[in-house]
Every structure is written in structure tokens, then in C-alpha cells.
């Protein structure tokens, strides 16, 4: 899951969201997205699913296994 922080940051920026906005949209605690993007925290499987659904991408894409 080494690519996850950069892929999350890229998706968030492409869609024009701040970290705070994304936390609110996904019902995550304040600073959680910041910690994910810094590689300081790994999301649970449930949260990975929420993020993938929110951005309409696969979990494989989020973790760097595919480009789609």
C-alpha cells in the first residue's frame, strides 16, 4: 500500500477538495486524510471502500495495483 498516500492526494487535488472537506464527506475524524496522505496512518478496509466509492475508483487503484 506504499502508493496509497500519493494516489489519495492526487485524487483529492484533481477533484478540488481540501483535506477537511474530504474528512467531512467521508465522516472521518479531523486530520485523518492528512495522516493518510503523510503515510502516518493506514486506512481500514471499510475506509478504503468508502474512499474508492467516493472517488469512483477501485481499491486496487487506490493502493497502486492498477491504473484504473
PDB file of N, CA and C in Angstrom:
ATOM      1  N   UNK A   1       0.821  -1.181   0.000  1.00  0.00           N
ATOM      2  CA  UNK A   1       0.000   0.000   0.000  1.00  0.00           C
ATOM      3  C   UNK A   1       0.876   1.259   0.000  1.00  0.00           C
ATOM      4  N   UNK A   2       2.081   1.149  -0.478  1.00  0.00           N
ATOM      5  CA  UNK A   2       3.006   2.281  -0.485  1.00  0.00           C
ATOM      6  C   UNK A   2       2.540   3.428  -1.358  1.00  0.00           C
ATOM      7  N   UNK A   3       1.794   3.144  -2.403  1.00  0.00           N
ATOM      8  CA  UNK A   3       1.336   4.191  -3.308  1.00  0.00           C
ATOM      9  C   UNK A   3       0.076   4.899  -2.813  1.00  0.00           C
ATOM     10  N   UNK A   4      -0.561   4.366  -1.787  1.00  0.00           N
ATOM     11  CA  UNK A   4      -1.821   4.924  -1.332  1.00  0.00           C
ATOM     12  C   UNK A   4      -1.747   6.406  -0.973  1.00  0.00           C
ATOM     13  N   UNK A   5      -0.779   6.852  -0.171  1.00  0.00           N
ATOM     14  CA  UNK A   5      -0.764   8.277   0.188  1.00  0.00           C
ATOM     15  C   UNK A   5      -0.748   9.212  -1.028  1.00  0.00           C
ATOM     16  N   UNK A   6       0.090   8.914  -2.006  1.00  0.00           N
ATOM     17  CA  UNK A   6       0.182   9.780  -3.185  1.00  0.00           C
ATOM     18  C   UNK A   6      -1.068   9.678  -4.056  1.00  0.00           C
ATOM     19  N   UNK A   7      -1.613   8.494  -4.193  1.00  0.00           N
ATOM     20  CA  UNK A   7      -2.826   8.345  -5.008  1.00  0.00           C
ATOM     21  C   UNK A   7      -4.017   9.059  -4.378  1.00  0.00           C
ATOM     22  N   UNK A   8      -4.129   8.981  -3.070  1.00  0.00           N
ATOM     23  CA  UNK A   8      -5.207   9.687  -2.387  1.00  0.00           C
ATOM     24  C   UNK A   8      -5.042  11.194  -2.561  1.00  0.00           C
ATOM     25  N   UNK A   9      -3.832  11.689  -2.353  1.00  0.00           N
ATOM     26  CA  UNK A   9      -3.562  13.120  -2.500  1.00  0.00           C
ATOM     27  C   UNK A   9      -3.895  13.579  -3.923  1.00  0.00           C
ATOM     28  N   UNK A  10      -3.480  12.799  -4.889  1.00  0.00           N
ATOM     29  CA  UNK A  10      -3.719  13.141  -6.296  1.00  0.00           C
ATOM     30  C   UNK A  10      -5.216  13.184  -6.610  1.00  0.00           C
ATOM     31  N   UNK A  11      -5.962  12.175  -6.189  1.00  0.00           N
ATOM     32  CA  UNK A  11      -7.405  12.149  -6.428  1.00  0.00           C
ATOM     33  C   UNK A  11      -8.087  13.338  -5.763  1.00  0.00           C
ATOM     34  N   UNK A  12      -7.707  13.611  -4.531  1.00  0.00           N
ATOM     35  CA  UNK A  12      -8.318  14.719  -3.792  1.00  0.00           C
ATOM     36  C   UNK A  12      -8.064  16.048  -4.497  1.00  0.00           C
ATOM     37  N   UNK A  13      -6.829  16.269  -4.896  1.00  0.00           N
ATOM     38  CA  UNK A  13      -6.480  17.531  -5.555  1.00  0.00           C
ATOM     39  C   UNK A  13      -7.137  17.656  -6.928  1.00  0.00           C
ATOM     40  N   UNK A  14      -7.169  16.550  -7.686  1.00  0.00           N
ATOM     41  CA  UNK A  14      -7.814  16.576  -9.005  1.00  0.00           C
ATOM     42  C   UNK A  14      -9.275  16.980  -8.898  1.00  0.00           C
ATOM     43  N   UNK A  15      -9.932  16.553  -7.827  1.00  0.00           N
ATOM     44  CA  UNK A  15     -11.355  16.853  -7.633  1.00  0.00           C
ATOM     45  C   UNK A  15     -11.583  18.177  -6.917  1.00  0.00           C
ATOM     46  N   UNK A  16     -10.503  18.814  -6.452  1.00  0.00           N
ATOM     47  CA  UNK A  16     -10.607  20.127  -5.848  1.00  0.00           C
ATOM     48  C   UNK A  16     -11.076  20.157  -4.401  1.00  0.00           C
ATOM     49  N   UNK A  17     -10.822  19.085  -3.654  1.00  0.00           N
ATOM     50  CA  UNK A  17     -11.223  19.017  -2.256  1.00  0.00           C
ATOM     51  C   UNK A  17     -10.057  19.346  -1.336  1.00  0.00           C
ATOM     52  N   UNK A  18     -10.369  19.997  -0.229  1.00  0.00           N
ATOM     53  CA  UNK A  18      -9.373  20.144   0.829  1.00  0.00           C
ATOM     54  C   UNK A  18      -9.400  18.865   1.656  1.00  0.00           C
ATOM     55  N   UNK A  19      -8.388  18.684   2.483  1.00  0.00           N
ATOM     56  CA  UNK A  19      -8.372  17.516   3.359  1.00  0.00           C
ATOM     57  C   UNK A  19      -9.562  17.550   4.315  1.00  0.00           C
ATOM     58  N   UNK A  20      -9.876  18.722   4.820  1.00  0.00           N
ATOM     59  CA  UNK A  20     -11.010  18.860   5.741  1.00  0.00           C
ATOM     60  C   UNK A  20     -12.325  18.513   5.058  1.00  0.00           C
ATOM     61  N   UNK A  21     -12.515  19.000   3.846  1.00  0.00           N
ATOM     62  CA  UNK A  21     -13.748  18.694   3.110  1.00  0.00           C
ATOM     63  C   UNK A  21     -13.895  17.193   2.893  1.00  0.00           C
ATOM     64  N   UNK A  22     -12.792  16.528   2.565  1.00  0.00           N
ATOM     65  CA  UNK A  22     -12.856  15.093   2.324  1.00  0.00           C
ATOM     66  C   UNK A  22     -13.151  14.342   3.617  1.00  0.00           C
ATOM     67  N   UNK A  23     -12.547  14.754   4.722  1.00  0.00           N
ATOM     68  CA  UNK A  23     -12.866  14.140   6.022  1.00  0.00           C
ATOM     69  C   UNK A  23     -14.352  14.248   6.309  1.00  0.00           C
ATOM     70  N   UNK A  24     -14.905  15.430   6.087  1.00  0.00           N
ATOM     71  CA  UNK A  24     -16.329  15.646   6.343  1.00  0.00           C
ATOM     72  C   UNK A  24     -17.197  14.794   5.423  1.00  0.00           C
ATOM     73  N   UNK A  25     -16.847  14.736   4.153  1.00  0.00           N
ATOM     74  CA  UNK A  25     -17.632  13.969   3.184  1.00  0.00           C
ATOM     75  C   UNK A  25     -17.631  12.475   3.507  1.00  0.00           C
ATOM     76  N   UNK A  26     -16.519  11.990   4.056  1.00  0.00           N
ATOM     77  CA  UNK A  26     -16.387  10.563   4.360  1.00  0.00           C
ATOM     78  C   UNK A  26     -16.690  10.238   5.824  1.00  0.00           C
ATOM     79  N   UNK A  27     -17.099  11.256   6.577  1.00  0.00           N
ATOM     80  CA  UNK A  27     -17.400  11.103   8.006  1.00  0.00           C
ATOM     81  C   UNK A  27     -16.204  10.546   8.774  1.00  0.00           C
ATOM     82  N   UNK A  28     -15.039  11.123   8.497  1.00  0.00           N
ATOM     83  CA  UNK A  28     -13.809  10.736   9.188  1.00  0.00           C
ATOM     84  C   UNK A  28     -13.422  11.831  10.167  1.00  0.00           C
ATOM     85  N   UNK A  29     -12.658  11.460  11.173  1.00  0.00           N
ATOM     86  CA  UNK A  29     -12.198  12.435  12.158  1.00  0.00           C
ATOM     87  C   UNK A  29     -11.284  13.466  11.503  1.00  0.00           C
ATOM     88  N   UNK A  30     -11.276  14.644  12.083  1.00  0.00           N
ATOM     89  CA  UNK A  30     -10.423  15.734  11.635  1.00  0.00           C
ATOM     90  C   UNK A  30      -8.969  15.253  11.547  1.00  0.00           C
ATOM     91  N   UNK A  31      -8.278  15.611  10.502  1.00  0.00           N
ATOM     92  CA  UNK A  31      -6.870  15.284  10.236  1.00  0.00           C
ATOM     93  C   UNK A  31      -6.618  13.862   9.747  1.00  0.00           C
ATOM     94  N   UNK A  32      -7.634  13.037   9.630  1.00  0.00           N
ATOM     95  CA  UNK A  32      -7.416  11.659   9.183  1.00  0.00           C
ATOM     96  C   UNK A  32      -6.836  11.627   7.772  1.00  0.00           C
ATOM     97  N   UNK A  33      -7.390  12.418   6.858  1.00  0.00           N
ATOM     98  CA  UNK A  33      -6.882  12.435   5.479  1.00  0.00           C
ATOM     99  C   UNK A  33      -5.437  12.920   5.465  1.00  0.00           C
ATOM    100  N   UNK A  34      -5.123  13.908   6.276  1.00  0.00           N
ATOM    101  CA  UNK A  34      -3.747  14.398   6.379  1.00  0.00           C
ATOM    102  C   UNK A  34      -2.802  13.271   6.793  1.00  0.00           C
ATOM    103  N   UNK A  35      -3.208  12.495   7.751  1.00  0.00           N
ATOM    104  CA  UNK A  35      -2.386  11.374   8.230  1.00  0.00           C
ATOM    105  C   UNK A  35      -2.252  10.287   7.170  1.00  0.00           C
ATOM    106  N   UNK A  36      -3.331  10.024   6.438  1.00  0.00           N
ATOM    107  CA  UNK A  36      -3.237   9.051   5.341  1.00  0.00           C
ATOM    108  C   UNK A  36      -2.250   9.535   4.287  1.00  0.00           C
ATOM    109  N   UNK A  37      -2.373  10.803   3.901  1.00  0.00           N
ATOM    110  CA  UNK A  37      -1.517  11.338   2.846  1.00  0.00           C
ATOM    111  C   UNK A  37      -0.060  11.432   3.276  1.00  0.00           C
ATOM    112  N   UNK A  38       0.187  11.563   4.557  1.00  0.00           N
ATOM    113  CA  UNK A  38       1.562  11.611   5.069  1.00  0.00           C
ATOM    114  C   UNK A  38       2.133  10.215   5.303  1.00  0.00           C
ATOM    115  N   UNK A  39       1.304   9.188   5.137  1.00  0.00           N
ATOM    116  CA  UNK A  39       1.754   7.821   5.362  1.00  0.00           C
ATOM    117  C   UNK A  39       1.883   7.464   6.835  1.00  0.00           C
ATOM    118  N   UNK A  40       1.284   8.265   7.709  1.00  0.00           N
ATOM    119  CA  UNK A  40       1.358   8.031   9.149  1.00  0.00           C
ATOM    120  C   UNK A  40       0.249   7.130   9.658  1.00  0.00           C
ATOM    121  N   UNK A  41      -0.758   6.906   8.840  1.00  0.00           N
ATOM    122  CA  UNK A  41      -1.910   6.102   9.230  1.00  0.00           C
ATOM    123  C   UNK A  41      -2.382   5.323   8.017  1.00  0.00           C
ATOM    124  N   UNK A  42      -2.715   4.064   8.232  1.00  0.00           N
ATOM    125  CA  UNK A  42      -3.248   3.219   7.171  1.00  0.00           C
ATOM    126  C   UNK A  42      -4.750   3.069   7.365  1.00  0.00           C
ATOM    127  N   UNK A  43      -5.534   3.219   6.307  1.00  0.00           N
ATOM    128  CA  UNK A  43      -6.983   3.075   6.451  1.00  0.00           C
ATOM    129  C   UNK A  43      -7.397   1.616   6.612  1.00  0.00           C
ATOM    130  N   UNK A  44      -8.499   1.424   7.293  1.00  0.00           N
ATOM    131  CA  UNK A  44      -9.085   0.088   7.393  1.00  0.00           C
ATOM    132  C   UNK A  44      -9.678  -0.282   6.035  1.00  0.00           C
ATOM    133  N   UNK A  45     -10.036  -1.525   5.891  1.00  0.00           N
ATOM    134  CA  UNK A  45     -10.677  -1.980   4.657  1.00  0.00           C
ATOM    135  C   UNK A  45     -11.987  -1.236   4.425  1.00  0.00           C
ATOM    136  N   UNK A  46     -12.742  -1.007   5.477  1.00  0.00           N
ATOM    137  CA  UNK A  46     -14.004  -0.273   5.356  1.00  0.00           C
ATOM    138  C   UNK A  46     -13.785   1.141   4.833  1.00  0.00           C
ATOM    139  N   UNK A  47     -12.766   1.806   5.351  1.00  0.00           N
ATOM    140  CA  UNK A  47     -12.480   3.166   4.906  1.00  0.00           C
ATOM    141  C   UNK A  47     -11.953   3.163   3.470  1.00  0.00           C
ATOM    142  N   UNK A  48     -11.131   2.191   3.125  1.00  0.00           N
ATOM    143  CA  UNK A  48     -10.681   2.075   1.730  1.00  0.00           C
ATOM    144  C   UNK A  48     -11.875   1.958   0.789  1.00  0.00           C
ATOM    145  N   UNK A  49     -12.852   1.168   1.180  1.00  0.00           N
ATOM    146  CA  UNK A  49     -14.059   1.021   0.359  1.00  0.00           C
ATOM    147  C   UNK A  49     -14.805   2.343   0.235  1.00  0.00           C
ATOM    148  N   UNK A  50     -14.923   3.088   1.331  1.00  0.00           N
ATOM    149  CA  UNK A  50     -15.597   4.387   1.301  1.00  0.00           C
ATOM    150  C   UNK A  50     -14.882   5.359   0.370  1.00  0.00           C
ATOM    151  N   UNK A  51     -13.561   5.378   0.453  1.00  0.00           N
ATOM    152  CA  UNK A  51     -12.780   6.289  -0.395  1.00  0.00           C
ATOM    153  C   UNK A  51     -12.909   5.891  -1.857  1.00  0.00           C
ATOM    154  N   UNK A  52     -12.784   4.604  -2.135  1.00  0.00           N
ATOM    155  CA  UNK A  52     -12.901   4.123  -3.513  1.00  0.00           C
ATOM    156  C   UNK A  52     -14.278   4.453  -4.083  1.00  0.00           C
ATOM    157  N   UNK A  53     -15.322   4.227  -3.317  1.00  0.00           N
ATOM    158  CA  UNK A  53     -16.678   4.542  -3.768  1.00  0.00           C
ATOM    159  C   UNK A  53     -16.843   6.044  -3.990  1.00  0.00           C
ATOM    160  N   UNK A  54     -16.313   6.838  -3.090  1.00  0.00           N
ATOM    161  CA  UNK A  54     -16.449   8.289  -3.185  1.00  0.00           C
ATOM    162  C   UNK A  54     -15.818   8.827  -4.467  1.00  0.00           C
ATOM    163  N   UNK A  55     -14.634   8.306  -4.799  1.00  0.00           N
ATOM    164  CA  UNK A  55     -13.931   8.766  -5.998  1.00  0.00           C
ATOM    165  C   UNK A  55     -14.242   7.930  -7.243  1.00  0.00           C
ATOM    166  N   UNK A  56     -15.080   6.912  -7.073  1.00  0.00           N
ATOM    167  CA  UNK A  56     -15.464   6.039  -8.183  1.00  0.00           C
ATOM    168  C   UNK A  56     -14.243   5.390  -8.843  1.00  0.00           C
ATOM    169  N   UNK A  57     -13.382   4.839  -8.001  1.00  0.00           N
ATOM    170  CA  UNK A  57     -12.200   4.096  -8.466  1.00  0.00           C
ATOM    171  C   UNK A  57     -12.169   2.772  -7.712  1.00  0.00           C
ATOM    172  N   UNK A  58     -11.341   1.860  -8.168  1.00  0.00           N
ATOM    173  CA  UNK A  58     -11.214   0.579  -7.489  1.00  0.00           C
ATOM    174  C   UNK A  58     -10.243   0.704  -6.314  1.00  0.00           C
ATOM    175  N   UNK A  59     -10.368  -0.221  -5.387  1.00  0.00           N
ATOM    176  CA  UNK A  59      -9.405  -0.265  -4.286  1.00  0.00           C
ATOM    177  C   UNK A  59      -8.018  -0.570  -4.843  1.00  0.00           C
ATOM    178  N   UNK A  60      -7.941  -1.414  -5.857  1.00  0.00           N
ATOM    179  CA  UNK A  60      -6.653  -1.701  -6.483  1.00  0.00           C
ATOM    180  C   UNK A  60      -5.995  -0.413  -6.993  1.00  0.00           C
ATOM    181  N   UNK A  61      -6.793   0.487  -7.530  1.00  0.00           N
ATOM    182  CA  UNK A  61      -6.253   1.759  -7.977  1.00  0.00           C
ATOM    183  C   UNK A  61      -5.708   2.552  -6.798  1.00  0.00           C
ATOM    184  N   UNK A  62      -6.459   2.600  -5.719  1.00  0.00           N
ATOM    185  CA  UNK A  62      -6.028   3.361  -4.543  1.00  0.00           C
ATOM    186  C   UNK A  62      -4.713   2.873  -3.960  1.00  0.00           C
ATOM    187  N   UNK A  63      -4.498   1.581  -3.986  1.00  0.00           N
ATOM    188  CA  UNK A  63      -3.291   1.032  -3.377  1.00  0.00           C
ATOM    189  C   UNK A  63      -2.165   0.802  -4.391  1.00  0.00           C
ATOM    190  N   UNK A  64      -2.387   1.188  -5.628  1.00  0.00           N
ATOM    191  CA  UNK A  64      -1.324   1.136  -6.625  1.00  0.00           C
ATOM    192  C   UNK A  64      -1.172  -0.161  -7.379  1.00  0.00           C
ATOM    193  N   UNK A  65      -2.199  -0.984  -7.359  1.00  0.00           N
ATOM    194  CA  UNK A  65      -2.129  -2.249  -8.096  1.00  0.00           C
ATOM    195  C   UNK A  65      -2.559  -2.117  -9.541  1.00  0.00           C
ATOM    196  N   UNK A  66      -3.336  -1.069  -9.853  1.00  0.00           N
ATOM    197  CA  UNK A  66      -3.756  -0.820 -11.222  1.00  0.00           C
ATOM    198  C   UNK A  66      -3.784   0.681 -11.446  1.00  0.00           C
ATOM    199  N   UNK A  67      -3.948   1.082 -12.685  1.00  0.00           N
ATOM    200  CA  UNK A  67      -4.054   2.499 -13.002  1.00  0.00           C
ATOM    201  C   UNK A  67      -5.491   2.935 -13.173  1.00  0.00           C
ATOM    202  N   UNK A  68      -6.450   1.999 -13.118  1.00  0.00           N
ATOM    203  CA  UNK A  68      -7.866   2.316 -13.298  1.00  0.00           C
ATOM    204  C   UNK A  68      -8.616   2.164 -12.017  1.00  0.00           C
TER     205      UNK A  68
END
